[in-house]
Amino acid sequence: MSRAMTTLAAGVLVAAWAIPAAAQDPKVAKGEALFTAQKCSLCHSVADKGNKKHPLDGMGKTLTADVVKLWLKDPKAAAAKFSKTGTPPMKNFSTLPAEDVDALVAYVLSLK
């Protein structure tokens, strides 16, 4: 019985490890849904889906939460700070509720 329980526990751990980050973290999943609802893929791509001119793949390795939040809440300031320009300029998401901004930040940071 002990061996069967060990095997079952190992299987559960492997299955949990294989689940995508969005499925494991509700905040990331909410951010992914907001990314779709806000039509972010018109300007950005993730996993080759969306506008490939501004891919977000790997941004979780290079950006901090504060930087992502700045881009979302004050894109003009972020563009000036980092000398980045885009056409059209990035939409300002400062009117979104704080928890939605946090969810979008969590989603972008999960893109490693």
PDB file of N, CA and C in Angstrom:
ATOM      1  N   MET A   1       0.824  -1.194   0.000  1.00  0.00           N
ATOM      2  CA  MET A   1       0.000   0.000   0.000  1.00  0.00           C
ATOM      3  C   MET A   1       0.863   1.249   0.000  1.00  0.00           C
ATOM      4  N   SER A   2       1.954   1.231   0.733  1.00  0.00           N
ATOM      5  CA  SER A   2       2.846   2.371   0.807  1.00  0.00           C
ATOM      6  C   SER A   2       3.457   2.668  -0.562  1.00  0.00           C
ATOM      7  N   ARG A   3       3.810   1.632  -1.286  1.00  0.00           N
ATOM      8  CA  ARG A   3       4.402   1.811  -2.611  1.00  0.00           C
ATOM      9  C   ARG A   3       3.376   2.416  -3.575  1.00  0.00           C
ATOM     10  N   ALA A   4       2.135   1.990  -3.481  1.00  0.00           N
ATOM     11  CA  ALA A   4       1.075   2.527  -4.335  1.00  0.00           C
ATOM     12  C   ALA A   4       0.842   4.004  -4.038  1.00  0.00           C
ATOM     13  N   MET A   5       0.874   4.375  -2.772  1.00  0.00           N
ATOM     14  CA  MET A   5       0.690   5.776  -2.392  1.00  0.00           C
ATOM     15  C   MET A   5       1.853   6.626  -2.892  1.00  0.00           C
ATOM     16  N   THR A   6       3.059   6.114  -2.822  1.00  0.00           N
ATOM     17  CA  THR A   6       4.239   6.830  -3.312  1.00  0.00           C
ATOM     18  C   THR A   6       4.132   7.044  -4.811  1.00  0.00           C
ATOM     19  N   THR A   7       3.720   6.010  -5.525  1.00  0.00           N
ATOM     20  CA  THR A   7       3.561   6.115  -6.972  1.00  0.00           C
ATOM     21  C   THR A   7       2.480   7.130  -7.319  1.00  0.00           C
ATOM     22  N   LEU A   8       1.372   7.102  -6.596  1.00  0.00           N
ATOM     23  CA  LEU A   8       0.281   8.050  -6.823  1.00  0.00           C
ATOM     24  C   LEU A   8       0.748   9.483  -6.555  1.00  0.00           C
ATOM     25  N   ALA A   9       1.453   9.674  -5.445  1.00  0.00           N
ATOM     26  CA  ALA A   9       1.951  11.012  -5.111  1.00  0.00           C
ATOM     27  C   ALA A   9       2.922  11.520  -6.171  1.00  0.00           C
ATOM     28  N   ALA A  10       3.785  10.660  -6.664  1.00  0.00           N
ATOM     29  CA  ALA A  10       4.729  11.046  -7.712  1.00  0.00           C
ATOM     30  C   ALA A  10       3.986  11.431  -8.984  1.00  0.00           C
ATOM     31  N   GLY A  11       2.964  10.683  -9.300  1.00  0.00           N
ATOM     32  CA  GLY A  11       2.164  10.991 -10.492  1.00  0.00           C
ATOM     33  C   GLY A  11       1.466  12.327 -10.380  1.00  0.00           C
ATOM     34  N   VAL A  12       0.940  12.626  -9.216  1.00  0.00           N
ATOM     35  CA  VAL A  12       0.267  13.908  -8.988  1.00  0.00           C
ATOM     36  C   VAL A  12       1.262  15.048  -9.121  1.00  0.00           C
ATOM     37  N   LEU A  13       2.457  14.895  -8.561  1.00  0.00           N
ATOM     38  CA  LEU A  13       3.484  15.939  -8.664  1.00  0.00           C
ATOM     39  C   LEU A  13       3.896  16.171 -10.113  1.00  0.00           C
ATOM     40  N   VAL A  14       4.077  15.115 -10.862  1.00  0.00           N
ATOM     41  CA  VAL A  14       4.450  15.259 -12.263  1.00  0.00           C
ATOM     42  C   VAL A  14       3.330  15.946 -13.034  1.00  0.00           C
ATOM     43  N   ALA A  15       2.094  15.570 -12.787  1.00  0.00           N
ATOM     44  CA  ALA A  15       0.954  16.184 -13.470  1.00  0.00           C
ATOM     45  C   ALA A  15       0.851  17.670 -13.122  1.00  0.00           C
ATOM     46  N   ALA A  16       1.050  18.028 -11.871  1.00  0.00           N
ATOM     47  CA  ALA A  16       0.978  19.430 -11.454  1.00  0.00           C
ATOM     48  C   ALA A  16       2.091  20.242 -12.101  1.00  0.00           C
ATOM     49  N   TRP A  17       3.261  19.647 -12.240  1.00  0.00           N
ATOM     50  CA  TRP A  17       4.395  20.336 -12.854  1.00  0.00           C
ATOM     51  C   TRP A  17       4.130  20.597 -14.335  1.00  0.00           C
ATOM     52  N   ALA A  18       3.393  19.707 -14.977  1.00  0.00           N
ATOM     53  CA  ALA A  18       3.135  19.829 -16.409  1.00  0.00           C
ATOM     54  C   ALA A  18       2.016  20.814 -16.734  1.00  0.00           C
ATOM     55  N   ILE A  19       1.239  21.212 -15.745  1.00  0.00           N
ATOM     56  CA  ILE A  19       0.145  22.154 -15.971  1.00  0.00           C
ATOM     57  C   ILE A  19       0.732  23.527 -16.266  1.00  0.00           C
ATOM     58  N   PRO A  20       0.258  24.226 -17.297  1.00  0.00           N
ATOM     59  CA  PRO A  20       0.774  25.563 -17.586  1.00  0.00           C
ATOM     60  C   PRO A  20       0.582  26.507 -16.406  1.00  0.00           C
ATOM     61  N   ALA A  21       1.451  27.517 -16.328  1.00  0.00           N
ATOM     62  CA  ALA A  21       1.413  28.473 -15.221  1.00  0.00           C
ATOM     63  C   ALA A  21       0.052  29.135 -15.105  1.00  0.00           C
ATOM     64  N   ALA A  22      -0.580  29.445 -16.226  1.00  0.00           N
ATOM     65  CA  ALA A  22      -1.882  30.108 -16.189  1.00  0.00           C
ATOM     66  C   ALA A  22      -2.921  29.252 -15.485  1.00  0.00           C
ATOM     67  N   ALA A  23      -2.820  27.931 -15.636  1.00  0.00           N
ATOM     68  CA  ALA A  23      -3.784  27.046 -15.000  1.00  0.00           C
ATOM     69  C   ALA A  23      -3.490  26.888 -13.512  1.00  0.00           C
ATOM     70  N   GLN A  24      -2.239  27.113 -13.096  1.00  0.00           N
ATOM     71  CA  GLN A  24      -1.871  26.956 -11.697  1.00  0.00           C
ATOM     72  C   GLN A  24      -2.175  28.206 -10.877  1.00  0.00           C
ATOM     73  N   ASP A  25      -2.023  29.381 -11.443  1.00  0.00           N
ATOM     74  CA  ASP A  25      -2.172  30.625 -10.711  1.00  0.00           C
ATOM     75  C   ASP A  25      -3.402  31.373 -11.219  1.00  0.00           C
ATOM     76  N   PRO A  26      -4.412  31.535 -10.377  1.00  0.00           N
ATOM     77  CA  PRO A  26      -5.632  32.216 -10.819  1.00  0.00           C
ATOM     78  C   PRO A  26      -5.375  33.654 -11.291  1.00  0.00           C
ATOM     79  N   LYS A  27      -4.403  34.335 -10.692  1.00  0.00           N
ATOM     80  CA  LYS A  27      -4.113  35.706 -11.107  1.00  0.00           C
ATOM     81  C   LYS A  27      -3.546  35.731 -12.527  1.00  0.00           C
ATOM     82  N   VAL A  28      -2.682  34.774 -12.845  1.00  0.00           N
ATOM     83  CA  VAL A  28      -2.119  34.673 -14.196  1.00  0.00           C
ATOM     84  C   VAL A  28      -3.231  34.343 -15.192  1.00  0.00           C
ATOM     85  N   ALA A  29      -4.111  33.425 -14.824  1.00  0.00           N
ATOM     86  CA  ALA A  29      -5.227  33.049 -15.700  1.00  0.00           C
ATOM     87  C   ALA A  29      -6.136  34.250 -15.954  1.00  0.00           C
ATOM     88  N   LYS A  30      -6.391  35.034 -14.913  1.00  0.00           N
ATOM     89  CA  LYS A  30      -7.210  36.238 -15.077  1.00  0.00           C
ATOM     90  C   LYS A  30      -6.497  37.227 -15.997  1.00  0.00           C
ATOM     91  N   GLY A  31      -5.180  37.375 -15.833  1.00  0.00           N
ATOM     92  CA  GLY A  31      -4.413  38.263 -16.694  1.00  0.00           C
ATOM     93  C   GLY A  31      -4.455  37.832 -18.146  1.00  0.00           C
ATOM     94  N   GLU A  32      -4.374  36.528 -18.375  1.00  0.00           N
ATOM     95  CA  GLU A  32      -4.452  36.006 -19.738  1.00  0.00           C
ATOM     96  C   GLU A  32      -5.824  36.322 -20.349  1.00  0.00           C
ATOM     97  N   ALA A  33      -6.884  36.165 -19.549  1.00  0.00           N
ATOM     98  CA  ALA A  33      -8.234  36.483 -20.026  1.00  0.00           C
ATOM     99  C   ALA A  33      -8.365  37.983 -20.323  1.00  0.00           C
ATOM    100  N   LEU A  34      -7.785  38.813 -19.465  1.00  0.00           N
ATOM    101  CA  LEU A  34      -7.819  40.260 -19.698  1.00  0.00           C
ATOM    102  C   LEU A  34      -7.012  40.630 -20.944  1.00  0.00           C
ATOM    103  N   PHE A  35      -5.896  39.971 -21.145  1.00  0.00           N
ATOM    104  CA  PHE A  35      -5.073  40.195 -22.339  1.00  0.00           C
ATOM    105  C   PHE A  35      -5.922  39.987 -23.587  1.00  0.00           C
ATOM    106  N   THR A  36      -6.741  38.937 -23.574  1.00  0.00           N
ATOM    107  CA  THR A  36      -7.628  38.653 -24.701  1.00  0.00           C
ATOM    108  C   THR A  36      -8.764  39.669 -24.763  1.00  0.00           C
ATOM    109  N   ALA A  37      -9.407  39.932 -23.637  1.00  0.00           N
ATOM    110  CA  ALA A  37     -10.551  40.845 -23.604  1.00  0.00           C
ATOM    111  C   ALA A  37     -10.174  42.274 -23.990  1.00  0.00           C
ATOM    112  N   GLN A  38      -8.973  42.693 -23.621  1.00  0.00           N
ATOM    113  CA  GLN A  38      -8.518  44.052 -23.935  1.00  0.00           C
ATOM    114  C   GLN A  38      -7.901  44.151 -25.337  1.00  0.00           C
ATOM    115  N   LYS A  39      -7.911  43.019 -26.050  1.00  0.00           N
ATOM    116  CA  LYS A  39      -7.402  42.945 -27.425  1.00  0.00           C
ATOM    117  C   LYS A  39      -5.930  43.349 -27.532  1.00  0.00           C
ATOM    118  N   CYS A  40      -5.151  42.933 -26.548  1.00  0.00           N
ATOM    119  CA  CYS A  40      -3.721  43.246 -26.530  1.00  0.00           C
ATOM    120  C   CYS A  40      -2.985  42.621 -27.705  1.00  0.00           C
ATOM    121  N   SER A  41      -3.543  41.528 -28.252  1.00  0.00           N
ATOM    122  CA  SER A  41      -2.877  40.849 -29.367  1.00  0.00           C
ATOM    123  C   SER A  41      -2.956  41.647 -30.665  1.00  0.00           C
ATOM    124  N   LEU A  42      -3.697  42.744 -30.693  1.00  0.00           N
ATOM    125  CA  LEU A  42      -3.670  43.611 -31.868  1.00  0.00           C
ATOM    126  C   LEU A  42      -2.285  44.245 -32.027  1.00  0.00           C
ATOM    127  N   CYS A  43      -1.603  44.444 -30.905  1.00  0.00           N
ATOM    128  CA  CYS A  43      -0.274  45.069 -30.931  1.00  0.00           C
ATOM    129  C   CYS A  43       0.838  44.136 -30.450  1.00  0.00           C
ATOM    130  N   HIS A  44       0.499  43.100 -29.691  1.00  0.00           N
ATOM    131  CA  HIS A  44       1.494  42.207 -29.094  1.00  0.00           C
ATOM    132  C   HIS A  44       1.209  40.757 -29.464  1.00  0.00           C
ATOM    133  N   SER A  45       2.262  39.954 -29.437  1.00  0.00           N
ATOM    134  CA  SER A  45       2.075  38.518 -29.660  1.00  0.00           C
ATOM    135  C   SER A  45       2.593  37.736 -28.465  1.00  0.00           C
ATOM    136  N   VAL A  46       1.995  36.564 -28.286  1.00  0.00           N
ATOM    137  CA  VAL A  46       2.430  35.587 -27.291  1.00  0.00           C
ATOM    138  C   VAL A  46       2.380  34.240 -27.983  1.00  0.00           C
ATOM    139  N   ALA A  47       3.484  33.521 -27.944  1.00  0.00           N
ATOM    140  CA  ALA A  47       3.574  32.199 -28.577  1.00  0.00           C
ATOM    141  C   ALA A  47       3.171  32.261 -30.051  1.00  0.00           C
ATOM    142  N   ASP A  48       3.659  33.270 -30.749  1.00  0.00           N
ATOM    143  CA  ASP A  48       3.401  33.462 -32.181  1.00  0.00           C
ATOM    144  C   ASP A  48       1.941  33.736 -32.522  1.00  0.00           C
ATOM    145  N   LYS A  49       1.141  34.117 -31.544  1.00  0.00           N
ATOM    146  CA  LYS A  49      -0.256  34.481 -31.805  1.00  0.00           C
ATOM    147  C   LYS A  49      -0.407  35.964 -31.528  1.00  0.00           C
ATOM    148  N   GLY A  50      -0.867  36.696 -32.524  1.00  0.00           N
ATOM    149  CA  GLY A  50      -1.031  38.130 -32.394  1.00  0.00           C
ATOM    150  C   GLY A  50      -0.039  38.867 -33.274  1.00  0.00           C
ATOM    151  N   ASN A  51       0.124  40.158 -33.009  1.00  0.00           N
ATOM    152  CA  ASN A  51       1.011  41.016 -33.795  1.00  0.00           C
ATOM    153  C   ASN A  51       2.462  40.727 -33.431  1.00  0.00           C
ATOM    154  N   LYS A  52       3.179  40.170 -34.366  1.00  0.00           N
ATOM    155  CA  LYS A  52       4.556  39.718 -34.110  1.00  0.00           C
ATOM    156  C   LYS A  52       5.565  40.863 -34.033  1.00  0.00           C
ATOM    157  N   LYS A  53       5.123  42.110 -34.283  1.00  0.00           N
ATOM    158  CA  LYS A  53       6.039  43.249 -34.195  1.00  0.00           C
ATOM    159  C   LYS A  53       6.438  43.541 -32.748  1.00  0.00           C
ATOM    160  N   HIS A  54       5.583  43.168 -31.812  1.00  0.00           N
ATOM    161  CA  HIS A  54       5.850  43.448 -30.400  1.00  0.00           C
ATOM    162  C   HIS A  54       5.608  42.190 -29.555  1.00  0.00           C
ATOM    163  N   PRO A  55       6.474  41.174 -29.700  1.00  0.00           N
ATOM    164  CA  PRO A  55       6.277  39.932 -28.940  1.00  0.00           C
ATOM    165  C   PRO A  55       6.535  40.136 -27.442  1.00  0.00           C
ATOM    166  N   LEU A  56       5.765  39.436 -26.639  1.00  0.00           N
ATOM    167  CA  LEU A  56       5.935  39.496 -25.188  1.00  0.00           C
ATOM    168  C   LEU A  56       6.595  38.236 -24.635  1.00  0.00           C
ATOM    169  N   ASP A  57       6.842  37.249 -25.494  1.00  0.00           N
ATOM    170  CA  ASP A  57       7.507  36.026 -25.048  1.00  0.00           C
ATOM    171  C   ASP A  57       8.851  36.372 -24.415  1.00  0.00           C
ATOM    172  N   GLY A  58       9.112  35.816 -23.251  1.00  0.00           N
ATOM    173  CA  GLY A  58      10.384  36.034 -22.565  1.00  0.00           C
ATOM    174  C   GLY A  58      10.431  37.285 -21.700  1.00  0.00           C
ATOM    175  N   MET A  59       9.384  38.096 -21.737  1.00  0.00           N
ATOM    176  CA  MET A  59       9.397  39.335 -20.954  1.00  0.00           C
ATOM    177  C   MET A  59       9.440  39.065 -19.447  1.00  0.00           C
ATOM    178  N   GLY A  60       8.936  37.913 -19.031  1.00  0.00           N
ATOM    179  CA  GLY A  60       8.983  37.564 -17.613  1.00  0.00           C
ATOM    180  C   GLY A  60      10.397  37.371 -17.098  1.00  0.00           C
ATOM    181  N   LYS A  61      11.337  37.144 -18.009  1.00  0.00           N
ATOM    182  CA  LYS A  61      12.742  36.988 -17.627  1.00  0.00           C
ATOM    183  C   LYS A  61      13.458  38.329 -17.543  1.00  0.00           C
ATOM    184  N   THR A  62      12.960  39.329 -18.276  1.00  0.00           N
ATOM    185  CA  THR A  62      13.709  40.578 -18.402  1.00  0.00           C
ATOM    186  C   THR A  62      13.070  41.778 -17.721  1.00  0.00           C
ATOM    187  N   LEU A  63      11.765  41.735 -17.496  1.00  0.00           N
ATOM    188  CA  LEU A  63      11.085  42.885 -16.902  1.00  0.00           C
ATOM    189  C   LEU A  63      10.724  42.637 -15.444  1.00  0.00           C
ATOM    190  N   THR A  64      10.602  43.721 -14.701  1.00  0.00           N
ATOM    191  CA  THR A  64      10.123  43.644 -13.320  1.00  0.00           C
ATOM    192  C   THR A  64       8.636  44.009 -13.298  1.00  0.00           C
ATOM    193  N   ALA A  65       7.990  43.708 -12.199  1.00  0.00           N
ATOM    194  CA  ALA A  65       6.575  44.059 -12.049  1.00  0.00           C
ATOM    195  C   ALA A  65       6.382  45.572 -12.160  1.00  0.00           C
ATOM    196  N   ASP A  66       7.300  46.343 -11.584  1.00  0.00           N
ATOM    197  CA  ASP A  66       7.175  47.804 -11.638  1.00  0.00           C
ATOM    198  C   ASP A  66       7.253  48.328 -13.068  1.00  0.00           C
ATOM    199  N   VAL A  67       8.120  47.729 -13.875  1.00  0.00           N
ATOM    200  CA  VAL A  67       8.259  48.167 -15.271  1.00  0.00           C
ATOM    201  C   VAL A  67       7.000  47.821 -16.061  1.00  0.00           C
ATOM    202  N   VAL A  68       6.485  46.624 -15.896  1.00  0.00           N
ATOM    203  CA  VAL A  68       5.262  46.223 -16.605  1.00  0.00           C
ATOM    204  C   VAL A  68       4.113  47.132 -16.176  1.00  0.00           C
ATOM    205  N   LYS A  69       4.014  47.404 -14.892  1.00  0.00           N
ATOM    206  CA  LYS A  69       2.947  48.265 -14.386  1.00  0.00           C
ATOM    207  C   LYS A  69       3.066  49.675 -14.963  1.00  0.00           C
ATOM    208  N   LEU A  70       4.286  50.182 -15.085  1.00  0.00           N
ATOM    209  CA  LEU A  70       4.485  51.501 -15.681  1.00  0.00           C
ATOM    210  C   LEU A  70       3.999  51.514 -17.122  1.00  0.00           C
ATOM    211  N   TRP A  71       4.348  50.477 -17.886  1.00  0.00           N
ATOM    212  CA  TRP A  71       3.882  50.396 -19.274  1.00  0.00           C
ATOM    213  C   TRP A  71       2.359  50.370 -19.348  1.00  0.00           C
ATOM    214  N   LEU A  72       1.715  49.701 -18.410  1.00  0.00           N
ATOM    215  CA  LEU A  72       0.254  49.605 -18.430  1.00  0.00           C
ATOM    216  C   LEU A  72      -0.429  50.896 -17.982  1.00  0.00           C
ATOM    217  N   LYS A  73       0.103  51.528 -16.948  1.00  0.00           N
ATOM    218  CA  LYS A  73      -0.572  52.687 -16.348  1.00  0.00           C
ATOM    219  C   LYS A  73      -0.132  54.034 -16.927  1.00  0.00           C
ATOM    220  N   ASP A  74       1.089  54.111 -17.447  1.00  0.00           N
ATOM    221  CA  ASP A  74       1.584  55.362 -18.010  1.00  0.00           C
ATOM    222  C   ASP A  74       2.541  55.062 -19.162  1.00  0.00           C
ATOM    223  N   PRO A  75       1.985  54.576 -20.276  1.00  0.00           N
ATOM    224  CA  PRO A  75       2.841  54.167 -21.381  1.00  0.00           C
ATOM    225  C   PRO A  75       3.694  55.296 -21.968  1.00  0.00           C
ATOM    226  N   LYS A  76       3.217  56.535 -21.911  1.00  0.00           N
ATOM    227  CA  LYS A  76       4.029  57.647 -22.417  1.00  0.00           C
ATOM    228  C   LYS A  76       5.287  57.819 -21.582  1.00  0.00           C
ATOM    229  N   ALA A  77       5.145  57.735 -20.262  1.00  0.00           N
ATOM    230  CA  ALA A  77       6.308  57.845 -19.373  1.00  0.00           C
ATOM    231  C   ALA A  77       7.255  56.665 -19.582  1.00  0.00           C
ATOM    232  N   ALA A  78       6.701  55.461 -19.766  1.00  0.00           N
ATOM    233  CA  ALA A  78       7.532  54.272 -19.987  1.00  0.00           C
ATOM    234  C   ALA A  78       8.293  54.399 -21.302  1.00  0.00           C
ATOM    235  N   ALA A  79       7.611  54.863 -22.347  1.00  0.00           N
ATOM    236  CA  ALA A  79       8.264  55.022 -23.649  1.00  0.00           C
ATOM    237  C   ALA A  79       9.407  56.029 -23.550  1.00  0.00           C
ATOM    238  N   ALA A  80       9.190  57.115 -22.820  1.00  0.00           N
ATOM    239  CA  ALA A  80      10.242  58.122 -22.655  1.00  0.00           C
ATOM    240  C   ALA A  80      11.398  57.568 -21.823  1.00  0.00           C
ATOM    241  N   LYS A  81      11.060  56.867 -20.739  1.00  0.00           N
ATOM    242  CA  LYS A  81      12.082  56.334 -19.842  1.00  0.00           C
ATOM    243  C   LYS A  81      12.981  55.313 -20.536  1.00  0.00           C
ATOM    244  N   PHE A  82      12.394  54.478 -21.376  1.00  0.00           N
ATOM    245  CA  PHE A  82      13.145  53.395 -22.004  1.00  0.00           C
ATOM    246  C   PHE A  82      13.461  53.657 -23.477  1.00  0.00           C
ATOM    247  N   SER A  83      13.193  54.879 -23.937  1.00  0.00           N
ATOM    248  CA  SER A  83      13.459  55.273 -25.331  1.00  0.00           C
ATOM    249  C   SER A  83      12.853  54.292 -26.322  1.00  0.00           C
ATOM    250  N   LYS A  84      11.603  53.945 -26.096  1.00  0.00           N
ATOM    251  CA  LYS A  84      10.888  53.016 -26.983  1.00  0.00           C
ATOM    252  C   LYS A  84       9.678  53.743 -27.557  1.00  0.00           C
ATOM    253  N   THR A  85       9.480  53.586 -28.823  1.00  0.00           N
ATOM    254  CA  THR A  85       8.291  54.147 -29.446  1.00  0.00           C
ATOM    255  C   THR A  85       7.617  53.063 -30.260  1.00  0.00           C
ATOM    256  N   GLY A  86       6.327  53.157 -30.340  1.00  0.00           N
ATOM    257  CA  GLY A  86       5.569  52.191 -31.118  1.00  0.00           C
ATOM    258  C   GLY A  86       4.482  52.910 -31.894  1.00  0.00           C
ATOM    259  N   THR A  87       4.044  52.289 -32.973  1.00  0.00           N
ATOM    260  CA  THR A  87       2.981  52.872 -33.762  1.00  0.00           C
ATOM    261  C   THR A  87       1.885  51.844 -33.889  1.00  0.00           C
ATOM    262  N   PRO A  88       0.705  52.118 -33.415  1.00  0.00           N
ATOM    263  CA  PRO A  88       0.328  53.306 -32.648  1.00  0.00           C
ATOM    264  C   PRO A  88       0.904  53.234 -31.236  1.00  0.00           C
ATOM    265  N   PRO A  89       0.890  54.362 -30.512  1.00  0.00           N
ATOM    266  CA  PRO A  89       1.376  54.335 -29.124  1.00  0.00           C
ATOM    267  C   PRO A  89       0.539  53.366 -28.287  1.00  0.00           C
ATOM    268  N   MET A  90       1.167  52.815 -27.259  1.00  0.00           N
ATOM    269  CA  MET A  90       0.461  51.854 -26.405  1.00  0.00           C
ATOM    270  C   MET A  90      -0.703  52.521 -25.685  1.00  0.00           C
ATOM    271  N   LYS A  91      -1.794  51.796 -25.598  1.00  0.00           N
ATOM    272  CA  LYS A  91      -2.994  52.252 -24.902  1.00  0.00           C
ATOM    273  C   LYS A  91      -2.706  52.371 -23.409  1.00  0.00           C
ATOM    274  N   ASN A  92      -3.309  53.346 -22.774  1.00  0.00           N
ATOM    275  CA  ASN A  92      -3.176  53.560 -21.334  1.00  0.00           C
ATOM    276  C   ASN A  92      -4.257  52.738 -20.615  1.00  0.00           C
ATOM    277  N   PHE A  93      -3.845  51.885 -19.690  1.00  0.00           N
ATOM    278  CA  PHE A  93      -4.781  51.025 -18.963  1.00  0.00           C
ATOM    279  C   PHE A  93      -4.978  51.486 -17.521  1.00  0.00           C
ATOM    280  N   SER A  94      -4.699  52.756 -17.240  1.00  0.00           N
ATOM    281  CA  SER A  94      -4.790  53.261 -15.863  1.00  0.00           C
ATOM    282  C   SER A  94      -6.221  53.274 -15.331  1.00  0.00           C
ATOM    283  N   THR A  95      -7.205  53.161 -16.204  1.00  0.00           N
ATOM    284  CA  THR A  95      -8.591  53.148 -15.740  1.00  0.00           C
ATOM    285  C   THR A  95      -9.057  51.756 -15.304  1.00  0.00           C
ATOM    286  N   LEU A  96      -8.249  50.746 -15.574  1.00  0.00           N
ATOM    287  CA  LEU A  96      -8.609  49.398 -15.108  1.00  0.00           C
ATOM    288  C   LEU A  96      -8.494  49.324 -13.590  1.00  0.00           C
ATOM    289  N   PRO A  97      -9.311  48.496 -12.957  1.00  0.00           N
ATOM    290  CA  PRO A  97      -9.158  48.299 -11.512  1.00  0.00           C
ATOM    291  C   PRO A  97      -7.760  47.764 -11.180  1.00  0.00           C
ATOM    292  N   ALA A  98      -7.262  48.102 -10.015  1.00  0.00           N
ATOM    293  CA  ALA A  98      -5.911  47.702  -9.600  1.00  0.00           C
ATOM    294  C   ALA A  98      -5.713  46.192  -9.695  1.00  0.00           C
ATOM    295  N   GLU A  99      -6.735  45.406  -9.337  1.00  0.00           N
ATOM    296  CA  GLU A  99      -6.570  43.953  -9.394  1.00  0.00           C
ATOM    297  C   GLU A  99      -6.443  43.458 -10.833  1.00  0.00           C
ATOM    298  N   ASP A 100      -7.053  44.157 -11.790  1.00  0.00           N
ATOM    299  CA  ASP A 100      -6.900  43.783 -13.191  1.00  0.00           C
ATOM    300  C   ASP A 100      -5.496  44.119 -13.685  1.00  0.00           C
ATOM    301  N   VAL A 101      -4.994  45.277 -13.293  1.00  0.00           N
ATOM    302  CA  VAL A 101      -3.620  45.644 -13.660  1.00  0.00           C
ATOM    303  C   VAL A 101      -2.647  44.619 -13.076  1.00  0.00           C
ATOM    304  N   ASP A 102      -2.854  44.269 -11.815  1.00  0.00           N
ATOM    305  CA  ASP A 102      -1.987  43.268 -11.171  1.00  0.00           C
ATOM    306  C   ASP A 102      -2.055  41.917 -11.891  1.00  0.00           C
ATOM    307  N   ALA A 103      -3.239  41.550 -12.361  1.00  0.00           N
ATOM    308  CA  ALA A 103      -3.395  40.287 -13.086  1.00  0.00           C
ATOM    309  C   ALA A 103      -2.666  40.344 -14.429  1.00  0.00           C
ATOM    310  N   LEU A 104      -2.757  41.463 -15.137  1.00  0.00           N
ATOM    311  CA  LEU A 104      -2.021  41.610 -16.391  1.00  0.00           C
ATOM    312  C   LEU A 104      -0.516  41.562 -16.144  1.00  0.00           C
ATOM    313  N   VAL A 105      -0.065  42.193 -15.073  1.00  0.00           N
ATOM    314  CA  VAL A 105       1.356  42.147 -14.710  1.00  0.00           C
ATOM    315  C   VAL A 105       1.772  40.702 -14.454  1.00  0.00           C
ATOM    316  N   ALA A 106       0.970  39.966 -13.685  1.00  0.00           N
ATOM    317  CA  ALA A 106       1.283  38.563 -13.380  1.00  0.00           C
ATOM    318  C   ALA A 106       1.361  37.740 -14.664  1.00  0.00           C
ATOM    319  N   TYR A 107       0.451  37.997 -15.592  1.00  0.00           N
ATOM    320  CA  TYR A 107       0.461  37.257 -16.858  1.00  0.00           C
ATOM    321  C   TYR A 107       1.739  37.550 -17.649  1.00  0.00           C
ATOM    322  N   VAL A 108       2.074  38.826 -17.807  1.00  0.00           N
ATOM    323  CA  VAL A 108       3.279  39.172 -18.570  1.00  0.00           C
ATOM    324  C   VAL A 108       4.523  38.570 -17.912  1.00  0.00           C
ATOM    325  N   LEU A 109       4.584  38.628 -16.576  1.00  0.00           N
ATOM    326  CA  LEU A 109       5.747  38.070 -15.881  1.00  0.00           C
ATOM    327  C   LEU A 109       5.808  36.542 -15.975  1.00  0.00           C
ATOM    328  N   SER A 110       4.682  35.902 -16.300  1.00  0.00           N
ATOM    329  CA  SER A 110       4.683  34.445 -16.451  1.00  0.00           C
ATOM    330  C   SER A 110       5.219  34.014 -17.823  1.00  0.00           C
ATOM    331  N   LEU A 111       5.408  34.973 -18.707  1.00  0.00           N
ATOM    332  CA  LEU A 111       5.845  34.671 -20.070  1.00  0.00           C
ATOM    333  C   LEU A 111       7.355  34.549 -20.114  1.00  0.00           C
ATOM    334  N   LYS A 112       7.839  33.395 -19.736  1.00  0.00           N
ATOM    335  CA  LYS A 112       9.276  33.159 -19.658  1.00  0.00           C
ATOM    336  C   LYS A 112       9.666  32.221 -20.740  1.00  0.00           C
TER     337      LYS A 112
END
